[in-house]
Amino acid sequence: MNELERLLSQRINKPQINLIVLRALESDSNFQALYRLTLSSNDRVSVNALWCLTPLPHNASSWLQARQNELIARRLPATNTA
């Protein structure tokens, strides 16, 4: 389990989400790692990864819009209420 996955496996708050977003924006590989974790078999990891995609800056919006249907499909079955 890498550092990002370990962090996403716990309860996270707004400052932690902001830190994850900043790290994701540092490089394409970090961003892709966060995106891949939206498919994690660990529900908390996948839901937290999806939450971390929500506050991305405007310059990432076209990337997200291209994957909008895929992201919606990932989020709909997520039932984590924690």
PDB file of N, CA and C in Angstrom:
ATOM      1  N   MET A   1       0.858  -1.178   0.000  1.00  0.00           N
ATOM      2  CA  MET A   1       0.000   0.000   0.000  1.00  0.00           C
ATOM      3  C   MET A   1       0.901   1.238   0.000  1.00  0.00           C
ATOM      4  N   ASN A   2       0.712   2.108  -0.971  1.00  0.00           N
ATOM      5  CA  ASN A   2       1.532   3.317  -1.030  1.00  0.00           C
ATOM      6  C   ASN A   2       0.959   4.397  -0.101  1.00  0.00           C
ATOM      7  N   GLU A   3       1.675   5.497   0.005  1.00  0.00           N
ATOM      8  CA  GLU A   3       1.285   6.562   0.931  1.00  0.00           C
ATOM      9  C   GLU A   3      -0.096   7.133   0.607  1.00  0.00           C
ATOM     10  N   LEU A   4      -0.370   7.355  -0.662  1.00  0.00           N
ATOM     11  CA  LEU A   4      -1.669   7.914  -1.054  1.00  0.00           C
ATOM     12  C   LEU A   4      -2.797   6.959  -0.696  1.00  0.00           C
ATOM     13  N   GLU A   5      -2.621   5.700  -1.000  1.00  0.00           N
ATOM     14  CA  GLU A   5      -3.660   4.713  -0.684  1.00  0.00           C
ATOM     15  C   GLU A   5      -3.854   4.588   0.828  1.00  0.00           C
ATOM     16  N   ARG A   6      -2.765   4.642   1.576  1.00  0.00           N
ATOM     17  CA  ARG A   6      -2.859   4.590   3.038  1.00  0.00           C
ATOM     18  C   ARG A   6      -3.654   5.772   3.563  1.00  0.00           C
ATOM     19  N   LEU A   7      -3.370   6.958   3.050  1.00  0.00           N
ATOM     20  CA  LEU A   7      -4.083   8.154   3.481  1.00  0.00           C
ATOM     21  C   LEU A   7      -5.568   8.066   3.113  1.00  0.00           C
ATOM     22  N   LEU A   8      -5.858   7.589   1.921  1.00  0.00           N
ATOM     23  CA  LEU A   8      -7.252   7.484   1.475  1.00  0.00           C
ATOM     24  C   LEU A   8      -8.012   6.373   2.192  1.00  0.00           C
ATOM     25  N   SER A   9      -7.318   5.481   2.851  1.00  0.00           N
ATOM     26  CA  SER A   9      -7.987   4.386   3.559  1.00  0.00           C
ATOM     27  C   SER A   9      -8.501   4.814   4.931  1.00  0.00           C
ATOM     28  N   GLN A  10      -8.226   6.053   5.299  1.00  0.00           N
ATOM     29  CA  GLN A  10      -8.655   6.585   6.589  1.00  0.00           C
ATOM     30  C   GLN A  10      -9.715   7.664   6.372  1.00  0.00           C
ATOM     31  N   ARG A  11     -10.301   8.112   7.471  1.00  0.00           N
ATOM     32  CA  ARG A  11     -11.189   9.277   7.366  1.00  0.00           C
ATOM     33  C   ARG A  11     -10.327  10.468   6.992  1.00  0.00           C
ATOM     34  N   ILE A  12     -10.789  11.238   6.037  1.00  0.00           N
ATOM     35  CA  ILE A  12     -10.027  12.416   5.632  1.00  0.00           C
ATOM     36  C   ILE A  12     -10.890  13.656   5.782  1.00  0.00           C
ATOM     37  N   ASN A  13     -10.210  14.791   5.950  1.00  0.00           N
ATOM     38  CA  ASN A  13     -10.913  16.054   6.108  1.00  0.00           C
ATOM     39  C   ASN A  13     -10.469  17.017   5.003  1.00  0.00           C
ATOM     40  N   LYS A  14     -11.039  18.182   5.010  1.00  0.00           N
ATOM     41  CA  LYS A  14     -10.778  19.166   3.947  1.00  0.00           C
ATOM     42  C   LYS A  14      -9.285  19.492   3.785  1.00  0.00           C
ATOM     43  N   PRO A  15      -8.525  19.746   4.874  1.00  0.00           N
ATOM     44  CA  PRO A  15      -7.093  20.015   4.675  1.00  0.00           C
ATOM     45  C   PRO A  15      -6.353  18.842   4.033  1.00  0.00           C
ATOM     46  N   GLN A  16      -6.726  17.615   4.390  1.00  0.00           N
ATOM     47  CA  GLN A  16      -6.079  16.452   3.787  1.00  0.00           C
ATOM     48  C   GLN A  16      -6.468  16.329   2.309  1.00  0.00           C
ATOM     49  N   ILE A  17      -7.726  16.594   2.002  1.00  0.00           N
ATOM     50  CA  ILE A  17      -8.167  16.569   0.603  1.00  0.00           C
ATOM     51  C   ILE A  17      -7.378  17.602  -0.197  1.00  0.00           C
ATOM     52  N   ASN A  18      -7.221  18.793   0.350  1.00  0.00           N
ATOM     53  CA  ASN A  18      -6.462  19.840  -0.340  1.00  0.00           C
ATOM     54  C   ASN A  18      -5.024  19.402  -0.587  1.00  0.00           C
ATOM     55  N   LEU A  19      -4.409  18.737   0.382  1.00  0.00           N
ATOM     56  CA  LEU A  19      -3.038  18.244   0.229  1.00  0.00           C
ATOM     57  C   LEU A  19      -2.970  17.182  -0.866  1.00  0.00           C
ATOM     58  N   ILE A  20      -3.925  16.279  -0.880  1.00  0.00           N
ATOM     59  CA  ILE A  20      -3.967  15.233  -1.902  1.00  0.00           C
ATOM     60  C   ILE A  20      -4.127  15.852  -3.286  1.00  0.00           C
ATOM     61  N   VAL A  21      -4.986  16.850  -3.404  1.00  0.00           N
ATOM     62  CA  VAL A  21      -5.194  17.531  -4.684  1.00  0.00           C
ATOM     63  C   VAL A  21      -3.903  18.216  -5.134  1.00  0.00           C
ATOM     64  N   LEU A  22      -3.233  18.901  -4.215  1.00  0.00           N
ATOM     65  CA  LEU A  22      -1.969  19.557  -4.579  1.00  0.00           C
ATOM     66  C   LEU A  22      -0.950  18.551  -5.079  1.00  0.00           C
ATOM     67  N   ARG A  23      -0.830  17.426  -4.402  1.00  0.00           N
ATOM     68  CA  ARG A  23       0.114  16.382  -4.834  1.00  0.00           C
ATOM     69  C   ARG A  23      -0.289  15.814  -6.190  1.00  0.00           C
ATOM     70  N   ALA A  24      -1.580  15.610  -6.392  1.00  0.00           N
ATOM     71  CA  ALA A  24      -2.055  15.062  -7.665  1.00  0.00           C
ATOM     72  C   ALA A  24      -1.726  15.996  -8.814  1.00  0.00           C
ATOM     73  N   LEU A  25      -1.781  17.293  -8.562  1.00  0.00           N
ATOM     74  CA  LEU A  25      -1.527  18.272  -9.617  1.00  0.00           C
ATOM     75  C   LEU A  25      -0.042  18.480  -9.892  1.00  0.00           C
ATOM     76  N   GLU A  26       0.827  17.911  -9.045  1.00  0.00           N
ATOM     77  CA  GLU A  26       2.269  18.054  -9.249  1.00  0.00           C
ATOM     78  C   GLU A  26       2.767  17.314 -10.481  1.00  0.00           C
ATOM     79  N   SER A  27       2.136  16.192 -10.794  1.00  0.00           N
ATOM     80  CA  SER A  27       2.577  15.419 -11.957  1.00  0.00           C
ATOM     81  C   SER A  27       1.433  14.575 -12.489  1.00  0.00           C
ATOM     82  N   ASP A  28       1.538  14.233 -13.747  1.00  0.00           N
ATOM     83  CA  ASP A  28       0.523  13.395 -14.362  1.00  0.00           C
ATOM     84  C   ASP A  28       0.478  12.016 -13.699  1.00  0.00           C
ATOM     85  N   SER A  29       1.626  11.497 -13.297  1.00  0.00           N
ATOM     86  CA  SER A  29       1.632  10.174 -12.658  1.00  0.00           C
ATOM     87  C   SER A  29       0.908  10.209 -11.317  1.00  0.00           C
ATOM     88  N   ASN A  30       1.051  11.294 -10.555  1.00  0.00           N
ATOM     89  CA  ASN A  30       0.312  11.424  -9.296  1.00  0.00           C
ATOM     90  C   ASN A  30      -1.189  11.513  -9.553  1.00  0.00           C
ATOM     91  N   PHE A  31      -1.548  12.267 -10.578  1.00  0.00           N
ATOM     92  CA  PHE A  31      -2.959  12.429 -10.924  1.00  0.00           C
ATOM     93  C   PHE A  31      -3.556  11.092 -11.360  1.00  0.00           C
ATOM     94  N   GLN A  32      -2.820  10.367 -12.188  1.00  0.00           N
ATOM     95  CA  GLN A  32      -3.287   9.058 -12.648  1.00  0.00           C
ATOM     96  C   GLN A  32      -3.403   8.074 -11.484  1.00  0.00           C
ATOM     97  N   ALA A  33      -2.481   8.158 -10.519  1.00  0.00           N
ATOM     98  CA  ALA A  33      -2.549   7.276  -9.343  1.00  0.00           C
ATOM     99  C   ALA A  33      -3.822   7.549  -8.554  1.00  0.00           C
ATOM    100  N   LEU A  34      -4.161   8.819  -8.362  1.00  0.00           N
ATOM    101  CA  LEU A  34      -5.387   9.170  -7.662  1.00  0.00           C
ATOM    102  C   LEU A  34      -6.597   8.662  -8.443  1.00  0.00           C
ATOM    103  N   TYR A  35      -6.591   8.857  -9.736  1.00  0.00           N
ATOM    104  CA  TYR A  35      -7.704   8.409 -10.567  1.00  0.00           C
ATOM    105  C   TYR A  35      -7.855   6.887 -10.514  1.00  0.00           C
ATOM    106  N   ARG A  36      -6.744   6.154 -10.569  1.00  0.00           N
ATOM    107  CA  ARG A  36      -6.804   4.690 -10.489  1.00  0.00           C
ATOM    108  C   ARG A  36      -7.396   4.227  -9.162  1.00  0.00           C
ATOM    109  N   LEU A  37      -7.137   4.973  -8.096  1.00  0.00           N
ATOM    110  CA  LEU A  37      -7.654   4.579  -6.783  1.00  0.00           C
ATOM    111  C   LEU A  37      -9.169   4.750  -6.684  1.00  0.00           C
ATOM    112  N   THR A  38      -9.779   5.419  -7.636  1.00  0.00           N
ATOM    113  CA  THR A  38     -11.249   5.482  -7.637  1.00  0.00           C
ATOM    114  C   THR A  38     -11.847   4.112  -7.940  1.00  0.00           C
ATOM    115  N   LEU A  39     -11.030   3.198  -8.427  1.00  0.00           N
ATOM    116  CA  LEU A  39     -11.471   1.828  -8.721  1.00  0.00           C
ATOM    117  C   LEU A  39     -11.025   0.828  -7.660  1.00  0.00           C
ATOM    118  N   SER A  40     -10.505   1.308  -6.562  1.00  0.00           N
ATOM    119  CA  SER A  40     -10.014   0.418  -5.512  1.00  0.00           C
ATOM    120  C   SER A  40     -11.122  -0.512  -5.019  1.00  0.00           C
ATOM    121  N   SER A  41     -10.740  -1.720  -4.661  1.00  0.00           N
ATOM    122  CA  SER A  41     -11.712  -2.658  -4.079  1.00  0.00           C
ATOM    123  C   SER A  41     -12.050  -2.266  -2.646  1.00  0.00           C
ATOM    124  N   ASN A  42     -11.232  -1.398  -2.050  1.00  0.00           N
ATOM    125  CA  ASN A  42     -11.507  -0.868  -0.715  1.00  0.00           C
ATOM    126  C   ASN A  42     -12.465   0.319  -0.889  1.00  0.00           C
ATOM    127  N   ASP A  43     -13.697   0.154  -0.405  1.00  0.00           N
ATOM    128  CA  ASP A  43     -14.717   1.189  -0.603  1.00  0.00           C
ATOM    129  C   ASP A  43     -14.295   2.553  -0.077  1.00  0.00           C
ATOM    130  N   ARG A  44     -13.679   2.587   1.092  1.00  0.00           N
ATOM    131  CA  ARG A  44     -13.279   3.882   1.646  1.00  0.00           C
ATOM    132  C   ARG A  44     -12.260   4.559   0.744  1.00  0.00           C
ATOM    133  N   VAL A  45     -11.296   3.798   0.246  1.00  0.00           N
ATOM    134  CA  VAL A  45     -10.272   4.359  -0.643  1.00  0.00           C
ATOM    135  C   VAL A  45     -10.927   4.912  -1.906  1.00  0.00           C
ATOM    136  N   SER A  46     -11.796   4.141  -2.521  1.00  0.00           N
ATOM    137  CA  SER A  46     -12.400   4.598  -3.777  1.00  0.00           C
ATOM    138  C   SER A  46     -13.288   5.818  -3.573  1.00  0.00           C
ATOM    139  N   VAL A  47     -14.089   5.836  -2.516  1.00  0.00           N
ATOM    140  CA  VAL A  47     -14.953   6.984  -2.251  1.00  0.00           C
ATOM    141  C   VAL A  47     -14.113   8.216  -1.922  1.00  0.00           C
ATOM    142  N   ASN A  48     -13.089   8.057  -1.104  1.00  0.00           N
ATOM    143  CA  ASN A  48     -12.229   9.198  -0.771  1.00  0.00           C
ATOM    144  C   ASN A  48     -11.500   9.714  -2.006  1.00  0.00           C
ATOM    145  N   ALA A  49     -11.063   8.819  -2.875  1.00  0.00           N
ATOM    146  CA  ALA A  49     -10.397   9.255  -4.109  1.00  0.00           C
ATOM    147  C   ALA A  49     -11.364  10.059  -4.979  1.00  0.00           C
ATOM    148  N   LEU A  50     -12.605   9.596  -5.055  1.00  0.00           N
ATOM    149  CA  LEU A  50     -13.612  10.346  -5.813  1.00  0.00           C
ATOM    150  C   LEU A  50     -13.856  11.712  -5.188  1.00  0.00           C
ATOM    151  N   TRP A  51     -13.920  11.775  -3.864  1.00  0.00           N
ATOM    152  CA  TRP A  51     -14.109  13.063  -3.193  1.00  0.00           C
ATOM    153  C   TRP A  51     -12.954  14.014  -3.506  1.00  0.00           C
ATOM    154  N   CYS A  52     -11.750  13.458  -3.607  1.00  0.00           N
ATOM    155  CA  CYS A  52     -10.584  14.303  -3.881  1.00  0.00           C
ATOM    156  C   CYS A  52     -10.598  14.866  -5.294  1.00  0.00           C
ATOM    157  N   LEU A  53     -11.360  14.277  -6.181  1.00  0.00           N
ATOM    158  CA  LEU A  53     -11.459  14.819  -7.531  1.00  0.00           C
ATOM    159  C   LEU A  53     -12.394  16.020  -7.605  1.00  0.00           C
ATOM    160  N   THR A  54     -13.252  16.200  -6.595  1.00  0.00           N
ATOM    161  CA  THR A  54     -14.243  17.273  -6.678  1.00  0.00           C
ATOM    162  C   THR A  54     -13.664  18.683  -6.586  1.00  0.00           C
ATOM    163  N   PRO A  55     -12.638  18.948  -5.767  1.00  0.00           N
ATOM    164  CA  PRO A  55     -12.160  20.338  -5.681  1.00  0.00           C
ATOM    165  C   PRO A  55     -11.046  20.682  -6.664  1.00  0.00           C
ATOM    166  N   LEU A  56     -10.891  19.895  -7.719  1.00  0.00           N
ATOM    167  CA  LEU A  56      -9.823  20.184  -8.680  1.00  0.00           C
ATOM    168  C   LEU A  56     -10.041  21.553  -9.315  1.00  0.00           C
ATOM    169  N   PRO A  57      -8.955  22.236  -9.631  1.00  0.00           N
ATOM    170  CA  PRO A  57      -9.080  23.570 -10.233  1.00  0.00           C
ATOM    171  C   PRO A  57      -9.657  23.509 -11.641  1.00  0.00           C
ATOM    172  N   HIS A  58     -10.037  24.659 -12.124  1.00  0.00           N
ATOM    173  CA  HIS A  58     -10.692  24.788 -13.425  1.00  0.00           C
ATOM    174  C   HIS A  58      -9.869  24.173 -14.559  1.00  0.00           C
ATOM    175  N   ASN A  59      -8.556  24.279 -14.486  1.00  0.00           N
ATOM    176  CA  ASN A  59      -7.732  23.761 -15.587  1.00  0.00           C
ATOM    177  C   ASN A  59      -7.774  22.237 -15.694  1.00  0.00           C
ATOM    178  N   ALA A  60      -8.314  21.566 -14.703  1.00  0.00           N
ATOM    179  CA  ALA A  60      -8.471  20.110 -14.765  1.00  0.00           C
ATOM    180  C   ALA A  60      -9.886  19.727 -15.196  1.00  0.00           C
ATOM    181  N   SER A  61     -10.749  20.710 -15.367  1.00  0.00           N
ATOM    182  CA  SER A  61     -12.150  20.404 -15.652  1.00  0.00           C
ATOM    183  C   SER A  61     -12.341  19.699 -16.992  1.00  0.00           C
ATOM    184  N   SER A  62     -11.578  20.041 -18.002  1.00  0.00           N
ATOM    185  CA  SER A  62     -11.750  19.370 -19.293  1.00  0.00           C
ATOM    186  C   SER A  62     -11.364  17.898 -19.189  1.00  0.00           C
ATOM    187  N   TRP A  63     -10.341  17.608 -18.407  1.00  0.00           N
ATOM    188  CA  TRP A  63      -9.935  16.213 -18.179  1.00  0.00           C
ATOM    189  C   TRP A  63     -11.066  15.455 -17.495  1.00  0.00           C
ATOM    190  N   LEU A  64     -11.674  16.080 -16.492  1.00  0.00           N
ATOM    191  CA  LEU A  64     -12.773  15.432 -15.770  1.00  0.00           C
ATOM    192  C   LEU A  64     -14.017  15.307 -16.637  1.00  0.00           C
ATOM    193  N   GLN A  65     -14.316  16.336 -17.412  1.00  0.00           N
ATOM    194  CA  GLN A  65     -15.503  16.288 -18.269  1.00  0.00           C
ATOM    195  C   GLN A  65     -15.409  15.164 -19.284  1.00  0.00           C
ATOM    196  N   ALA A  66     -14.206  14.892 -19.770  1.00  0.00           N
ATOM    197  CA  ALA A  66     -14.018  13.800 -20.724  1.00  0.00           C
ATOM    198  C   ALA A  66     -14.309  12.447 -20.083  1.00  0.00           C
ATOM    199  N   ARG A  67     -14.231  12.371 -18.768  1.00  0.00           N
ATOM    200  CA  ARG A  67     -14.456  11.133 -18.031  1.00  0.00           C
ATOM    201  C   ARG A  67     -15.717  11.183 -17.168  1.00  0.00           C
ATOM    202  N   GLN A  68     -16.572  12.152 -17.432  1.00  0.00           N
ATOM    203  CA  GLN A  68     -17.747  12.387 -16.602  1.00  0.00           C
ATOM    204  C   GLN A  68     -18.619  11.146 -16.443  1.00  0.00           C
ATOM    205  N   ASN A  69     -18.973  10.498 -17.524  1.00  0.00           N
ATOM    206  CA  ASN A  69     -19.839   9.320 -17.435  1.00  0.00           C
ATOM    207  C   ASN A  69     -19.170   8.196 -16.660  1.00  0.00           C
ATOM    208  N   GLU A  70     -17.896   8.014 -16.896  1.00  0.00           N
ATOM    209  CA  GLU A  70     -17.145   6.980 -16.178  1.00  0.00           C
ATOM    210  C   GLU A  70     -17.110   7.271 -14.678  1.00  0.00           C
ATOM    211  N   LEU A  71     -16.884   8.518 -14.316  1.00  0.00           N
ATOM    212  CA  LEU A  71     -16.847   8.896 -12.901  1.00  0.00           C
ATOM    213  C   LEU A  71     -18.211   8.737 -12.245  1.00  0.00           C
ATOM    214  N   ILE A  72     -19.257   9.097 -12.942  1.00  0.00           N
ATOM    215  CA  ILE A  72     -20.611   8.926 -12.399  1.00  0.00           C
ATOM    216  C   ILE A  72     -20.883   7.451 -12.168  1.00  0.00           C
ATOM    217  N   ALA A  73     -20.496   6.625 -13.115  1.00  0.00           N
ATOM    218  CA  ALA A  73     -20.708   5.184 -12.967  1.00  0.00           C
ATOM    219  C   ALA A  73     -19.931   4.631 -11.782  1.00  0.00           C
ATOM    220  N   ARG A  74     -18.771   5.193 -11.500  1.00  0.00           N
ATOM    221  CA  ARG A  74     -17.976   4.745 -10.350  1.00  0.00           C
ATOM    222  C   ARG A  74     -18.622   5.179  -9.043  1.00  0.00           C
ATOM    223  N   ARG A  75     -19.204   6.347  -9.037  1.00  0.00           N
ATOM    224  CA  ARG A  75     -19.759   6.909  -7.803  1.00  0.00           C
ATOM    225  C   ARG A  75     -21.120   6.325  -7.453  1.00  0.00           C
ATOM    226  N   LEU A  76     -21.941   6.047  -8.423  1.00  0.00           N
ATOM    227  CA  LEU A  76     -23.291   5.571  -8.145  1.00  0.00           C
ATOM    228  C   LEU A  76     -23.340   4.335  -7.254  1.00  0.00           C
ATOM    229  N   PRO A  77     -22.518   3.311  -7.504  1.00  0.00           N
ATOM    230  CA  PRO A  77     -22.614   2.130  -6.633  1.00  0.00           C
ATOM    231  C   PRO A  77     -21.929   2.311  -5.279  1.00  0.00           C
ATOM    232  N   ALA A  78     -21.218   3.389  -5.061  1.00  0.00           N
ATOM    233  CA  ALA A  78     -20.526   3.604  -3.786  1.00  0.00           C
ATOM    234  C   ALA A  78     -21.560   3.908  -2.710  1.00  0.00           C
ATOM    235  N   THR A  79     -21.603   3.079  -1.692  1.00  0.00           N
ATOM    236  CA  THR A  79     -22.619   3.228  -0.648  1.00  0.00           C
ATOM    237  C   THR A  79     -22.025   3.566   0.700  1.00  0.00           C
ATOM    238  N   ASN A  80     -20.775   3.932   0.734  1.00  0.00           N
ATOM    239  CA  ASN A  80     -20.091   4.250   1.980  1.00  0.00           C
ATOM    240  C   ASN A  80     -20.717   5.497   2.602  1.00  0.00           C
ATOM    241  N   THR A  81     -21.200   5.382   3.822  1.00  0.00           N
ATOM    242  CA  THR A  81     -21.809   6.529   4.512  1.00  0.00           C
ATOM    243  C   THR A  81     -20.924   7.032   5.625  1.00  0.00           C
ATOM    244  N   ALA A  82     -19.732   6.479   5.773  1.00  0.00           N
ATOM    245  CA  ALA A  82     -18.814   6.874   6.858  1.00  0.00           C
ATOM    246  C   ALA A  82     -18.132   8.167   6.531  1.00  0.00           C
TER     247      ALA A  82
END
